[in-house]
Amino acid sequence: MRQNKRRDDSKKLSLLEEYLSSTLLKTTFEKEKGLAKGSISRWLTSFAIEDKPTIVKVALPMSKENDKTELLNPDDEIVRLRQELKAKEMELKRATMARDAYERMIVIAEEKYAIPIRKNSDAK
């Protein structure tokens, strides 16, 4: 049974430095060091440290025949899909924030200058 160990910040930072200098994935590093799942991610967030970049290799097949022969390892495929999903989520978050900022800008301009900026759909 794993015990809940309290580590001081200096120990966490040294483990983070070791992780960032290694070529291991977070989960593999956590298993090797006996850390709880998600510890590295939490520590990176709490110390505001950017995670090491992950290289995603996507091979575009030349033809339908190559599709069947160049299948990725299922674990590699899962990692690639998770990274793709994370990138899409960040893209969606940025688009949502831009939309909200634009809407807020219109509301402020309408209040300040007392003119309707949005078009009236009833106008003919």
PDB file of N, CA and C in Angstrom:
ATOM      1  N   MET A   1       0.844  -1.188   0.000  1.00  0.00           N
ATOM      2  CA  MET A   1       0.000   0.000   0.000  1.00  0.00           C
ATOM      3  C   MET A   1       0.879   1.237   0.000  1.00  0.00           C
ATOM      4  N   ARG A   2       0.574   2.174  -0.880  1.00  0.00           N
ATOM      5  CA  ARG A   2       1.351   3.404  -1.001  1.00  0.00           C
ATOM      6  C   ARG A   2       0.959   4.361   0.113  1.00  0.00           C
ATOM      7  N   GLN A   3       1.950   4.891   0.790  1.00  0.00           N
ATOM      8  CA  GLN A   3       1.691   5.853   1.840  1.00  0.00           C
ATOM      9  C   GLN A   3       1.744   7.259   1.266  1.00  0.00           C
ATOM     10  N   ASN A   4       0.968   8.141   1.851  1.00  0.00           N
ATOM     11  CA  ASN A   4       0.948   9.527   1.405  1.00  0.00           C
ATOM     12  C   ASN A   4       2.183  10.233   1.959  1.00  0.00           C
ATOM     13  N   LYS A   5       3.149  10.504   1.101  1.00  0.00           N
ATOM     14  CA  LYS A   5       4.395  11.144   1.533  1.00  0.00           C
ATOM     15  C   LYS A   5       4.325  12.637   1.255  1.00  0.00           C
ATOM     16  N   ARG A   6       4.727  13.424   2.239  1.00  0.00           N
ATOM     17  CA  ARG A   6       4.794  14.872   2.066  1.00  0.00           C
ATOM     18  C   ARG A   6       6.228  15.211   1.681  1.00  0.00           C
ATOM     19  N   ARG A   7       6.388  15.866   0.542  1.00  0.00           N
ATOM     20  CA  ARG A   7       7.715  16.270   0.089  1.00  0.00           C
ATOM     21  C   ARG A   7       7.807  17.792   0.166  1.00  0.00           C
ATOM     22  N   ASP A   8       8.984  18.278   0.555  1.00  0.00           N
ATOM     23  CA  ASP A   8       9.163  19.719   0.576  1.00  0.00           C
ATOM     24  C   ASP A   8       9.410  20.216  -0.842  1.00  0.00           C
ATOM     25  N   ASP A   9       9.302  21.527  -1.019  1.00  0.00           N
ATOM     26  CA  ASP A   9       9.402  22.121  -2.351  1.00  0.00           C
ATOM     27  C   ASP A   9      10.750  21.859  -3.017  1.00  0.00           C
ATOM     28  N   SER A  10      11.815  21.839  -2.236  1.00  0.00           N
ATOM     29  CA  SER A  10      13.133  21.614  -2.840  1.00  0.00           C
ATOM     30  C   SER A  10      13.226  20.203  -3.416  1.00  0.00           C
ATOM     31  N   LYS A  11      12.639  19.222  -2.742  1.00  0.00           N
ATOM     32  CA  LYS A  11      12.644  17.843  -3.248  1.00  0.00           C
ATOM     33  C   LYS A  11      11.785  17.745  -4.514  1.00  0.00           C
ATOM     34  N   LYS A  12      10.627  18.416  -4.499  1.00  0.00           N
ATOM     35  CA  LYS A  12       9.764  18.414  -5.680  1.00  0.00           C
ATOM     36  C   LYS A  12      10.472  19.046  -6.873  1.00  0.00           C
ATOM     37  N   LEU A  13      11.148  20.180  -6.624  1.00  0.00           N
ATOM     38  CA  LEU A  13      11.852  20.865  -7.704  1.00  0.00           C
ATOM     39  C   LEU A  13      12.995  20.017  -8.261  1.00  0.00           C
ATOM     40  N   SER A  14      13.696  19.303  -7.384  1.00  0.00           N
ATOM     41  CA  SER A  14      14.783  18.451  -7.874  1.00  0.00           C
ATOM     42  C   SER A  14      14.230  17.295  -8.705  1.00  0.00           C
ATOM     43  N   LEU A  15      13.096  16.741  -8.310  1.00  0.00           N
ATOM     44  CA  LEU A  15      12.460  15.691  -9.102  1.00  0.00           C
ATOM     45  C   LEU A  15      11.973  16.243 -10.445  1.00  0.00           C
ATOM     46  N   LEU A  16      11.448  17.460 -10.437  1.00  0.00           N
ATOM     47  CA  LEU A  16      11.005  18.083 -11.685  1.00  0.00           C
ATOM     48  C   LEU A  16      12.184  18.321 -12.625  1.00  0.00           C
ATOM     49  N   GLU A  17      13.305  18.786 -12.088  1.00  0.00           N
ATOM     50  CA  GLU A  17      14.496  18.991 -12.913  1.00  0.00           C
ATOM     51  C   GLU A  17      14.962  17.676 -13.526  1.00  0.00           C
ATOM     52  N   GLU A  18      14.921  16.624 -12.721  1.00  0.00           N
ATOM     53  CA  GLU A  18      15.322  15.308 -13.208  1.00  0.00           C
ATOM     54  C   GLU A  18      14.379  14.831 -14.313  1.00  0.00           C
ATOM     55  N   TYR A  19      13.070  15.047 -14.110  1.00  0.00           N
ATOM     56  CA  TYR A  19      12.086  14.656 -15.130  1.00  0.00           C
ATOM     57  C   TYR A  19      12.297  15.435 -16.423  1.00  0.00           C
ATOM     58  N   LEU A  20      12.481  16.763 -16.308  1.00  0.00           N
ATOM     59  CA  LEU A  20      12.631  17.601 -17.493  1.00  0.00           C
ATOM     60  C   LEU A  20      13.908  17.286 -18.273  1.00  0.00           C
ATOM     61  N   SER A  21      14.937  16.810 -17.589  1.00  0.00           N
ATOM     62  CA  SER A  21      16.174  16.472 -18.290  1.00  0.00           C
ATOM     63  C   SER A  21      16.150  15.046 -18.858  1.00  0.00           C
ATOM     64  N   SER A  22      15.185  14.251 -18.433  1.00  0.00           N
ATOM     65  CA  SER A  22      15.102  12.877 -18.928  1.00  0.00           C
ATOM     66  C   SER A  22      14.281  12.822 -20.215  1.00  0.00           C
ATOM     67  N   THR A  23      14.295  11.666 -20.833  1.00  0.00           N
ATOM     68  CA  THR A  23      13.499  11.452 -22.052  1.00  0.00           C
ATOM     69  C   THR A  23      12.243  10.644 -21.750  1.00  0.00           C
ATOM     70  N   LEU A  24      11.976  10.390 -20.486  1.00  0.00           N
ATOM     71  CA  LEU A  24      10.838   9.569 -20.086  1.00  0.00           C
ATOM     72  C   LEU A  24       9.533  10.350 -20.126  1.00  0.00           C
ATOM     73  N   LEU A  25       8.444   9.629 -20.331  1.00  0.00           N
ATOM     74  CA  LEU A  25       7.111  10.215 -20.210  1.00  0.00           C
ATOM     75  C   LEU A  25       6.799  10.410 -18.737  1.00  0.00           C
ATOM     76  N   LYS A  26       5.821  11.268 -18.449  1.00  0.00           N
ATOM     77  CA  LYS A  26       5.458  11.543 -17.056  1.00  0.00           C
ATOM     78  C   LYS A  26       5.096  10.266 -16.310  1.00  0.00           C
ATOM     79  N   THR A  27       4.223   9.459 -16.912  1.00  0.00           N
ATOM     80  CA  THR A  27       3.754   8.249 -16.229  1.00  0.00           C
ATOM     81  C   THR A  27       4.898   7.282 -15.953  1.00  0.00           C
ATOM     82  N   THR A  28       5.807   7.133 -16.901  1.00  0.00           N
ATOM     83  CA  THR A  28       6.943   6.236 -16.710  1.00  0.00           C
ATOM     84  C   THR A  28       7.854   6.759 -15.601  1.00  0.00           C
ATOM     85  N   PHE A  29       8.108   8.064 -15.607  1.00  0.00           N
ATOM     86  CA  PHE A  29       8.951   8.664 -14.584  1.00  0.00           C
ATOM     87  C   PHE A  29       8.321   8.504 -13.201  1.00  0.00           C
ATOM     88  N   GLU A  30       7.010   8.725 -13.116  1.00  0.00           N
ATOM     89  CA  GLU A  30       6.318   8.589 -11.834  1.00  0.00           C
ATOM     90  C   GLU A  30       6.393   7.160 -11.315  1.00  0.00           C
ATOM     91  N   LYS A  31       6.243   6.197 -12.202  1.00  0.00           N
ATOM     92  CA  LYS A  31       6.330   4.793 -11.778  1.00  0.00           C
ATOM     93  C   LYS A  31       7.724   4.457 -11.280  1.00  0.00           C
ATOM     94  N   GLU A  32       8.754   4.916 -12.002  1.00  0.00           N
ATOM     95  CA  GLU A  32      10.124   4.623 -11.607  1.00  0.00           C
ATOM     96  C   GLU A  32      10.484   5.234 -10.256  1.00  0.00           C
ATOM     97  N   LYS A  33       9.964   6.416  -9.980  1.00  0.00           N
ATOM     98  CA  LYS A  33      10.294   7.121  -8.736  1.00  0.00           C
ATOM     99  C   LYS A  33       9.315   6.808  -7.607  1.00  0.00           C
ATOM    100  N   GLY A  34       8.270   6.016  -7.898  1.00  0.00           N
ATOM    101  CA  GLY A  34       7.294   5.674  -6.864  1.00  0.00           C
ATOM    102  C   GLY A  34       6.380   6.831  -6.493  1.00  0.00           C
ATOM    103  N   LEU A  35       6.126   7.709  -7.451  1.00  0.00           N
ATOM    104  CA  LEU A  35       5.264   8.867  -7.203  1.00  0.00           C
ATOM    105  C   LEU A  35       3.818   8.524  -7.544  1.00  0.00           C
ATOM    106  N   ALA A  36       2.908   9.255  -6.974  1.00  0.00           N
ATOM    107  CA  ALA A  36       1.494   9.077  -7.282  1.00  0.00           C
ATOM    108  C   ALA A  36       1.223   9.549  -8.705  1.00  0.00           C
ATOM    109  N   LYS A  37       0.227   8.949  -9.323  1.00  0.00           N
ATOM    110  CA  LYS A  37      -0.125   9.305 -10.692  1.00  0.00           C
ATOM    111  C   LYS A  37      -0.585  10.767 -10.730  1.00  0.00           C
ATOM    112  N   GLY A  38      -0.009  11.542 -11.629  1.00  0.00           N
ATOM    113  CA  GLY A  38      -0.380  12.943 -11.775  1.00  0.00           C
ATOM    114  C   GLY A  38       0.449  13.901 -10.938  1.00  0.00           C
ATOM    115  N   SER A  39       1.397  13.380 -10.165  1.00  0.00           N
ATOM    116  CA  SER A  39       2.215  14.248  -9.311  1.00  0.00           C
ATOM    117  C   SER A  39       3.005  15.257 -10.137  1.00  0.00           C
ATOM    118  N   ILE A  40       3.643  14.784 -11.201  1.00  0.00           N
ATOM    119  CA  ILE A  40       4.471  15.664 -12.025  1.00  0.00           C
ATOM    120  C   ILE A  40       3.623  16.785 -12.616  1.00  0.00           C
ATOM    121  N   SER A  41       2.449  16.453 -13.116  1.00  0.00           N
ATOM    122  CA  SER A  41       1.561  17.465 -13.703  1.00  0.00           C
ATOM    123  C   SER A  41       1.149  18.506 -12.664  1.00  0.00           C
ATOM    124  N   ARG A  42       0.792  18.048 -11.467  1.00  0.00           N
ATOM    125  CA  ARG A  42       0.400  18.976 -10.398  1.00  0.00           C
ATOM    126  C   ARG A  42       1.553  19.889 -10.017  1.00  0.00           C
ATOM    127  N   TRP A  43       2.749  19.326  -9.893  1.00  0.00           N
ATOM    128  CA  TRP A  43       3.905  20.120  -9.504  1.00  0.00           C
ATOM    129  C   TRP A  43       4.273  21.122 -10.586  1.00  0.00           C
ATOM    130  N   LEU A  44       4.197  20.711 -11.839  1.00  0.00           N
ATOM    131  CA  LEU A  44       4.490  21.648 -12.933  1.00  0.00           C
ATOM    132  C   LEU A  44       3.529  22.833 -12.878  1.00  0.00           C
ATOM    133  N   THR A  45       2.268  22.549 -12.621  1.00  0.00           N
ATOM    134  CA  THR A  45       1.266  23.604 -12.539  1.00  0.00           C
ATOM    135  C   THR A  45       1.502  24.491 -11.317  1.00  0.00           C
ATOM    136  N   SER A  46       1.756  23.881 -10.171  1.00  0.00           N
ATOM    137  CA  SER A  46       1.912  24.678  -8.946  1.00  0.00           C
ATOM    138  C   SER A  46       3.159  25.551  -8.972  1.00  0.00           C
ATOM    139  N   PHE A  47       4.223  25.097  -9.639  1.00  0.00           N
ATOM    140  CA  PHE A  47       5.441  25.904  -9.738  1.00  0.00           C
ATOM    141  C   PHE A  47       5.474  26.733 -11.015  1.00  0.00           C
ATOM    142  N   ALA A  48       4.447  26.673 -11.811  1.00  0.00           N
ATOM    143  CA  ALA A  48       4.337  27.418 -13.071  1.00  0.00           C
ATOM    144  C   ALA A  48       5.530  27.146 -13.985  1.00  0.00           C
ATOM    145  N   ILE A  49       5.860  25.871 -14.105  1.00  0.00           N
ATOM    146  CA  ILE A  49       6.952  25.450 -14.977  1.00  0.00           C
ATOM    147  C   ILE A  49       6.338  24.827 -16.216  1.00  0.00           C
ATOM    148  N   GLU A  50       6.872  25.212 -17.366  1.00  0.00           N
ATOM    149  CA  GLU A  50       6.357  24.668 -18.618  1.00  0.00           C
ATOM    150  C   GLU A  50       6.906  23.259 -18.815  1.00  0.00           C
ATOM    151  N   ASP A  51       6.012  22.356 -19.216  1.00  0.00           N
ATOM    152  CA  ASP A  51       6.402  20.971 -19.452  1.00  0.00           C
ATOM    153  C   ASP A  51       7.316  20.885 -20.667  1.00  0.00           C
ATOM    154  N   LYS A  52       8.129  19.846 -20.716  1.00  0.00           N
ATOM    155  CA  LYS A  52       9.015  19.679 -21.868  1.00  0.00           C
ATOM    156  C   LYS A  52       8.191  19.410 -23.115  1.00  0.00           C
ATOM    157  N   PRO A  53       8.651  19.910 -24.252  1.00  0.00           N
ATOM    158  CA  PRO A  53       7.877  19.723 -25.478  1.00  0.00           C
ATOM    159  C   PRO A  53       7.869  18.253 -25.890  1.00  0.00           C
ATOM    160  N   THR A  54       6.738  17.832 -26.406  1.00  0.00           N
ATOM    161  CA  THR A  54       6.633  16.472 -26.897  1.00  0.00           C
ATOM    162  C   THR A  54       6.603  16.511 -28.408  1.00  0.00           C
ATOM    163  N   ILE A  55       7.325  15.641 -29.008  1.00  0.00           N
ATOM    164  CA  ILE A  55       7.399  15.598 -30.457  1.00  0.00           C
ATOM    165  C   ILE A  55       6.366  14.601 -30.959  1.00  0.00           C
ATOM    166  N   VAL A  56       5.506  15.096 -31.804  1.00  0.00           N
ATOM    167  CA  VAL A  56       4.476  14.250 -32.376  1.00  0.00           C
ATOM    168  C   VAL A  56       4.858  13.973 -33.816  1.00  0.00           C
ATOM    169  N   LYS A  57       5.046  12.717 -34.131  1.00  0.00           N
ATOM    170  CA  LYS A  57       5.376  12.332 -35.491  1.00  0.00           C
ATOM    171  C   LYS A  57       4.136  11.735 -36.122  1.00  0.00           C
ATOM    172  N   VAL A  58       3.663  12.404 -37.137  1.00  0.00           N
ATOM    173  CA  VAL A  58       2.492  11.925 -37.856  1.00  0.00           C
ATOM    174  C   VAL A  58       2.922  11.631 -39.278  1.00  0.00           C
ATOM    175  N   ALA A  59       2.812  10.390 -39.648  1.00  0.00           N
ATOM    176  CA  ALA A  59       3.192   9.996 -41.001  1.00  0.00           C
ATOM    177  C   ALA A  59       1.936   9.950 -41.859  1.00  0.00           C
ATOM    178  N   LEU A  60       1.972  10.681 -42.954  1.00  0.00           N
ATOM    179  CA  LEU A  60       0.849  10.664 -43.872  1.00  0.00           C
ATOM    180  C   LEU A  60       1.060   9.539 -44.874  1.00  0.00           C
ATOM    181  N   PRO A  61       0.111   8.631 -44.961  1.00  0.00           N
ATOM    182  CA  PRO A  61       0.279   7.518 -45.879  1.00  0.00           C
ATOM    183  C   PRO A  61       0.201   7.979 -47.325  1.00  0.00           C
ATOM    184  N   MET A  62       0.975   7.321 -48.181  1.00  0.00           N
ATOM    185  CA  MET A  62       1.000   7.646 -49.593  1.00  0.00           C
ATOM    186  C   MET A  62      -0.204   7.057 -50.320  1.00  0.00           C
ATOM    187  N   SER A  63      -0.636   5.907 -49.896  1.00  0.00           N
ATOM    188  CA  SER A  63      -1.772   5.262 -50.548  1.00  0.00           C
ATOM    189  C   SER A  63      -2.526   4.423 -49.541  1.00  0.00           C
ATOM    190  N   LYS A  64      -3.612   3.842 -49.959  1.00  0.00           N
ATOM    191  CA  LYS A  64      -4.429   2.997 -49.085  1.00  0.00           C
ATOM    192  C   LYS A  64      -3.652   1.763 -48.628  1.00  0.00           C
ATOM    193  N   GLU A  65      -2.739   1.256 -49.457  1.00  0.00           N
ATOM    194  CA  GLU A  65      -1.969   0.071 -49.101  1.00  0.00           C
ATOM    195  C   GLU A  65      -1.044   0.359 -47.931  1.00  0.00           C
ATOM    196  N   ASN A  66      -0.460   1.567 -47.893  1.00  0.00           N
ATOM    197  CA  ASN A  66       0.449   1.933 -46.814  1.00  0.00           C
ATOM    198  C   ASN A  66      -0.288   2.108 -45.493  1.00  0.00           C
ATOM    199  N   ASP A  67      -1.591   2.414 -45.535  1.00  0.00           N
ATOM    200  CA  ASP A  67      -2.380   2.569 -44.317  1.00  0.00           C
ATOM    201  C   ASP A  67      -2.294   1.327 -43.447  1.00  0.00           C
ATOM    202  N   LYS A  68      -2.411   0.187 -44.049  1.00  0.00           N
ATOM    203  CA  LYS A  68      -2.448  -1.068 -43.304  1.00  0.00           C
ATOM    204  C   LYS A  68      -1.067  -1.462 -42.806  1.00  0.00           C
ATOM    205  N   THR A  69      -0.027  -1.137 -43.543  1.00  0.00           N
ATOM    206  CA  THR A  69       1.317  -1.574 -43.170  1.00  0.00           C
ATOM    207  C   THR A  69       1.992  -0.634 -42.180  1.00  0.00           C
ATOM    208  N   GLU A  70       1.612   0.634 -42.157  1.00  0.00           N
ATOM    209  CA  GLU A  70       2.273   1.605 -41.284  1.00  0.00           C
ATOM    210  C   GLU A  70       1.439   1.959 -40.054  1.00  0.00           C
ATOM    211  N   LEU A  71       0.820   0.966 -39.452  1.00  0.00           N
ATOM    212  CA  LEU A  71       0.036   1.207 -38.254  1.00  0.00           C
ATOM    213  C   LEU A  71       0.972   1.471 -37.082  1.00  0.00           C
ATOM    214  N   LEU A  72       0.601   2.437 -36.257  1.00  0.00           N
ATOM    215  CA  LEU A  72       1.409   2.773 -35.095  1.00  0.00           C
ATOM    216  C   LEU A  72       1.106   1.803 -33.960  1.00  0.00           C
ATOM    217  N   ASN A  73       2.051   1.706 -33.064  1.00  0.00           N
ATOM    218  CA  ASN A  73       1.850   0.945 -31.840  1.00  0.00           C
ATOM    219  C   ASN A  73       0.638   1.548 -31.116  1.00  0.00           C
ATOM    220  N   PRO A  74      -0.262   0.731 -30.572  1.00  0.00           N
ATOM    221  CA  PRO A  74      -1.458   1.291 -29.905  1.00  0.00           C
ATOM    222  C   PRO A  74      -1.132   2.300 -28.806  1.00  0.00           C
ATOM    223  N   ASP A  75      -0.069   2.068 -28.043  1.00  0.00           N
ATOM    224  CA  ASP A  75       0.300   3.021 -26.990  1.00  0.00           C
ATOM    225  C   ASP A  75       0.755   4.349 -27.590  1.00  0.00           C
ATOM    226  N   ASP A  76       1.535   4.284 -28.670  1.00  0.00           N
ATOM    227  CA  ASP A  76       1.979   5.503 -29.341  1.00  0.00           C
ATOM    228  C   ASP A  76       0.795   6.245 -29.940  1.00  0.00           C
ATOM    229  N   GLU A  77      -0.146   5.490 -30.468  1.00  0.00           N
ATOM    230  CA  GLU A  77      -1.342   6.090 -31.066  1.00  0.00           C
ATOM    231  C   GLU A  77      -2.174   6.805 -29.998  1.00  0.00           C
ATOM    232  N   ILE A  78      -2.288   6.198 -28.824  1.00  0.00           N
ATOM    233  CA  ILE A  78      -3.040   6.812 -27.723  1.00  0.00           C
ATOM    234  C   ILE A  78      -2.360   8.104 -27.286  1.00  0.00           C
ATOM    235  N   VAL A  79      -1.038   8.081 -27.155  1.00  0.00           N
ATOM    236  CA  VAL A  79      -0.284   9.281 -26.762  1.00  0.00           C
ATOM    237  C   VAL A  79      -0.483  10.376 -27.807  1.00  0.00           C
ATOM    238  N   ARG A  80      -0.381  10.006 -29.100  1.00  0.00           N
ATOM    239  CA  ARG A  80      -0.541  10.981 -30.172  1.00  0.00           C
ATOM    240  C   ARG A  80      -1.944  11.579 -30.155  1.00  0.00           C
ATOM    241  N   LEU A  81      -2.948  10.727 -29.959  1.00  0.00           N
ATOM    242  CA  LEU A  81      -4.325  11.224 -29.941  1.00  0.00           C
ATOM    243  C   LEU A  81      -4.590  12.123 -28.737  1.00  0.00           C
ATOM    244  N   ARG A  82      -4.007  11.791 -27.599  1.00  0.00           N
ATOM    245  CA  ARG A  82      -4.174  12.643 -26.419  1.00  0.00           C
ATOM    246  C   ARG A  82      -3.528  14.006 -26.635  1.00  0.00           C
ATOM    247  N   GLN A  83      -2.360  14.020 -27.262  1.00  0.00           N
ATOM    248  CA  GLN A  83      -1.688  15.285 -27.546  1.00  0.00           C
ATOM    249  C   GLN A  83      -2.490  16.100 -28.548  1.00  0.00           C
ATOM    250  N   GLU A  84      -3.046  15.430 -29.538  1.00  0.00           N
ATOM    251  CA  GLU A  84      -3.892  16.099 -30.527  1.00  0.00           C
ATOM    252  C   GLU A  84      -5.128  16.694 -29.856  1.00  0.00           C
ATOM    253  N   LEU A  85      -5.742  15.921 -28.949  1.00  0.00           N
ATOM    254  CA  LEU A  85      -6.925  16.394 -28.224  1.00  0.00           C
ATOM    255  C   LEU A  85      -6.581  17.602 -27.365  1.00  0.00           C
ATOM    256  N   LYS A  86      -5.437  17.554 -26.695  1.00  0.00           N
ATOM    257  CA  LYS A  86      -5.022  18.669 -25.844  1.00  0.00           C
ATOM    258  C   LYS A  86      -4.815  19.937 -26.676  1.00  0.00           C
ATOM    259  N   ALA A  87      -4.202  19.769 -27.855  1.00  0.00           N
ATOM    260  CA  ALA A  87      -3.986  20.925 -28.731  1.00  0.00           C
ATOM    261  C   ALA A  87      -5.319  21.504 -29.201  1.00  0.00           C
ATOM    262  N   LYS A  88      -6.275  20.643 -29.536  1.00  0.00           N
ATOM    263  CA  LYS A  88      -7.602  21.101 -29.980  1.00  0.00           C
ATOM    264  C   LYS A  88      -8.345  21.785 -28.840  1.00  0.00           C
ATOM    265  N   GLU A  89      -8.214  21.257 -27.615  1.00  0.00           N
ATOM    266  CA  GLU A  89      -8.859  21.883 -26.466  1.00  0.00           C
ATOM    267  C   GLU A  89      -8.296  23.286 -26.225  1.00  0.00           C
ATOM    268  N   MET A  90      -6.971  23.443 -26.356  1.00  0.00           N
ATOM    269  CA  MET A  90      -6.357  24.758 -26.184  1.00  0.00           C
ATOM    270  C   MET A  90      -6.821  25.717 -27.280  1.00  0.00           C
ATOM    271  N   GLU A  91      -6.926  25.219 -28.498  1.00  0.00           N
ATOM    272  CA  GLU A  91      -7.402  26.037 -29.610  1.00  0.00           C
ATOM    273  C   GLU A  91      -8.842  26.500 -29.365  1.00  0.00           C
ATOM    274  N   LEU A  92      -9.672  25.591 -28.873  1.00  0.00           N
ATOM    275  CA  LEU A  92     -11.059  25.930 -28.558  1.00  0.00           C
ATOM    276  C   LEU A  92     -11.131  26.948 -27.425  1.00  0.00           C
ATOM    277  N   LYS A  93     -10.288  26.773 -26.418  1.00  0.00           N
ATOM    278  CA  LYS A  93     -10.271  27.702 -25.286  1.00  0.00           C
ATOM    279  C   LYS A  93      -9.896  29.111 -25.751  1.00  0.00           C
ATOM    280  N   ARG A  94      -8.883  29.205 -26.616  1.00  0.00           N
ATOM    281  CA  ARG A  94      -8.474  30.518 -27.138  1.00  0.00           C
ATOM    282  C   ARG A  94      -9.581  31.154 -27.970  1.00  0.00           C
ATOM    283  N   ALA A  95     -10.240  30.352 -28.801  1.00  0.00           N
ATOM    284  CA  ALA A  95     -11.323  30.871 -29.636  1.00  0.00           C
ATOM    285  C   ALA A  95     -12.484  31.353 -28.771  1.00  0.00           C
ATOM    286  N   THR A  96     -12.796  30.611 -27.726  1.00  0.00           N
ATOM    287  CA  THR A  96     -13.873  31.002 -26.811  1.00  0.00           C
ATOM    288  C   THR A  96     -13.524  32.293 -26.090  1.00  0.00           C
ATOM    289  N   MET A  97     -12.280  32.417 -25.635  1.00  0.00           N
ATOM    290  CA  MET A  97     -11.860  33.640 -24.953  1.00  0.00           C
ATOM    291  C   MET A  97     -11.897  34.834 -25.901  1.00  0.00           C
ATOM    292  N   ALA A  98     -11.498  34.639 -27.153  1.00  0.00           N
ATOM    293  CA  ALA A  98     -11.530  35.726 -28.133  1.00  0.00           C
ATOM    294  C   ALA A  98     -12.964  36.157 -28.403  1.00  0.00           C
ATOM    295  N   ARG A  99     -13.872  35.189 -28.528  1.00  0.00           N
ATOM    296  CA  ARG A  99     -15.278  35.499 -28.757  1.00  0.00           C
ATOM    297  C   ARG A  99     -15.859  36.289 -27.583  1.00  0.00           C
ATOM    298  N   ASP A 100     -15.548  35.835 -26.359  1.00  0.00           N
ATOM    299  CA  ASP A 100     -16.058  36.530 -25.172  1.00  0.00           C
ATOM    300  C   ASP A 100     -15.506  37.948 -25.079  1.00  0.00           C
ATOM    301  N   ALA A 101     -14.232  38.131 -25.398  1.00  0.00           N
ATOM    302  CA  ALA A 101     -13.632  39.468 -25.372  1.00  0.00           C
ATOM    303  C   ALA A 101     -14.287  40.372 -26.411  1.00  0.00           C
ATOM    304  N   TYR A 102     -14.549  39.842 -27.589  1.00  0.00           N
ATOM    305  CA  TYR A 102     -15.199  40.599 -28.650  1.00  0.00           C
ATOM    306  C   TYR A 102     -16.615  41.013 -28.236  1.00  0.00           C
ATOM    307  N   GLU A 103     -17.351  40.090 -27.655  1.00  0.00           N
ATOM    308  CA  GLU A 103     -18.706  40.403 -27.188  1.00  0.00           C
ATOM    309  C   GLU A 103     -18.679  41.487 -26.109  1.00  0.00           C
ATOM    310  N   ARG A 104     -17.742  41.370 -25.182  1.00  0.00           N
ATOM    311  CA  ARG A 104     -17.631  42.353 -24.102  1.00  0.00           C
ATOM    312  C   ARG A 104     -17.257  43.722 -24.666  1.00  0.00           C
ATOM    313  N   MET A 105     -16.384  43.739 -25.671  1.00  0.00           N
ATOM    314  CA  MET A 105     -15.972  44.988 -26.305  1.00  0.00           C
ATOM    315  C   MET A 105     -17.180  45.679 -26.947  1.00  0.00           C
ATOM    316  N   ILE A 106     -18.047  44.915 -27.601  1.00  0.00           N
ATOM    317  CA  ILE A 106     -19.241  45.480 -28.230  1.00  0.00           C
ATOM    318  C   ILE A 106     -20.179  46.058 -27.178  1.00  0.00           C
ATOM    319  N   VAL A 107     -20.374  45.315 -26.082  1.00  0.00           N
ATOM    320  CA  VAL A 107     -21.263  45.795 -25.013  1.00  0.00           C
ATOM    321  C   VAL A 107     -20.736  47.103 -24.430  1.00  0.00           C
ATOM    322  N   ILE A 108     -19.450  47.170 -24.174  1.00  0.00           N
ATOM    323  CA  ILE A 108     -18.855  48.393 -23.604  1.00  0.00           C
ATOM    324  C   ILE A 108     -18.992  49.558 -24.587  1.00  0.00           C
ATOM    325  N   ALA A 109     -18.733  49.311 -25.861  1.00  0.00           N
ATOM    326  CA  ALA A 109     -18.849  50.376 -26.863  1.00  0.00           C
ATOM    327  C   ALA A 109     -20.287  50.861 -26.990  1.00  0.00           C
ATOM    328  N   GLU A 110     -21.248  49.946 -26.952  1.00  0.00           N
ATOM    329  CA  GLU A 110     -22.659  50.343 -27.044  1.00  0.00           C
ATOM    330  C   GLU A 110     -23.077  51.184 -25.843  1.00  0.00           C
ATOM    331  N   GLU A 111     -22.576  50.811 -24.648  1.00  0.00           N
ATOM    332  CA  GLU A 111     -22.916  51.580 -23.451  1.00  0.00           C
ATOM    333  C   GLU A 111     -22.241  52.953 -23.462  1.00  0.00           C
ATOM    334  N   LYS A 112     -20.986  53.000 -23.846  1.00  0.00           N
ATOM    335  CA  LYS A 112     -20.222  54.242 -23.802  1.00  0.00           C
ATOM    336  C   LYS A 112     -20.713  55.251 -24.840  1.00  0.00           C
ATOM    337  N   TYR A 113     -20.941  54.803 -26.075  1.00  0.00           N
ATOM    338  CA  TYR A 113     -21.305  55.722 -27.145  1.00  0.00           C
ATOM    339  C   TYR A 113     -22.811  55.753 -27.435  1.00  0.00           C
ATOM    340  N   ALA A 114     -23.589  54.955 -26.747  1.00  0.00           N
ATOM    341  CA  ALA A 114     -25.057  54.922 -26.864  1.00  0.00           C
ATOM    342  C   ALA A 114     -25.518  54.744 -28.312  1.00  0.00           C
ATOM    343  N   ILE A 115     -24.836  53.890 -29.034  1.00  0.00           N
ATOM    344  CA  ILE A 115     -25.259  53.569 -30.401  1.00  0.00           C
ATOM    345  C   ILE A 115     -25.290  52.049 -30.548  1.00  0.00           C
ATOM    346  N   PRO A 116     -26.264  51.565 -31.302  1.00  0.00           N
ATOM    347  CA  PRO A 116     -26.314  50.103 -31.499  1.00  0.00           C
ATOM    348  C   PRO A 116     -25.252  49.676 -32.524  1.00  0.00           C
ATOM    349  N   ILE A 117     -24.403  48.756 -32.135  1.00  0.00           N
ATOM    350  CA  ILE A 117     -23.352  48.275 -33.031  1.00  0.00           C
ATOM    351  C   ILE A 117     -23.826  47.034 -33.771  1.00  0.00           C
ATOM    352  N   ARG A 118     -24.515  46.170 -33.054  1.00  0.00           N
ATOM    353  CA  ARG A 118     -25.038  44.967 -33.701  1.00  0.00           C
ATOM    354  C   ARG A 118     -26.179  45.348 -34.621  1.00  0.00           C
ATOM    355  N   LYS A 119     -26.268  44.687 -35.741  1.00  0.00           N
ATOM    356  CA  LYS A 119     -27.335  44.994 -36.689  1.00  0.00           C
ATOM    357  C   LYS A 119     -28.668  44.492 -36.156  1.00  0.00           C
ATOM    358  N   ASN A 120     -29.677  45.237 -36.438  1.00  0.00           N
ATOM    359  CA  ASN A 120     -31.027  44.853 -36.038  1.00  0.00           C
ATOM    360  C   ASN A 120     -31.588  43.921 -37.105  1.00  0.00           C
ATOM    361  N   SER A 121     -31.991  42.733 -36.700  1.00  0.00           N
ATOM    362  CA  SER A 121     -32.475  41.754 -37.676  1.00  0.00           C
ATOM    363  C   SER A 121     -33.850  42.131 -38.243  1.00  0.00           C
ATOM    364  N   ASP A 122     -34.586  43.063 -37.585  1.00  0.00           N
ATOM    365  CA  ASP A 122     -35.892  43.465 -38.062  1.00  0.00           C
ATOM    366  C   ASP A 122     -35.809  44.559 -39.116  1.00  0.00           C
ATOM    367  N   ALA A 123     -34.644  45.119 -39.333  1.00  0.00           N
ATOM    368  CA  ALA A 123     -34.501  46.204 -40.291  1.00  0.00           C
ATOM    369  C   ALA A 123     -34.732  45.689 -41.705  1.00  0.00           C
ATOM    370  N   LYS A 124     -35.419  46.561 -42.515  1.00  0.00           N
ATOM    371  CA  LYS A 124     -35.715  46.158 -43.894  1.00  0.00           C
ATOM    372  C   LYS A 124     -35.221  47.195 -44.842  1.00  0.00           C
TER     373      LYS A 124
END
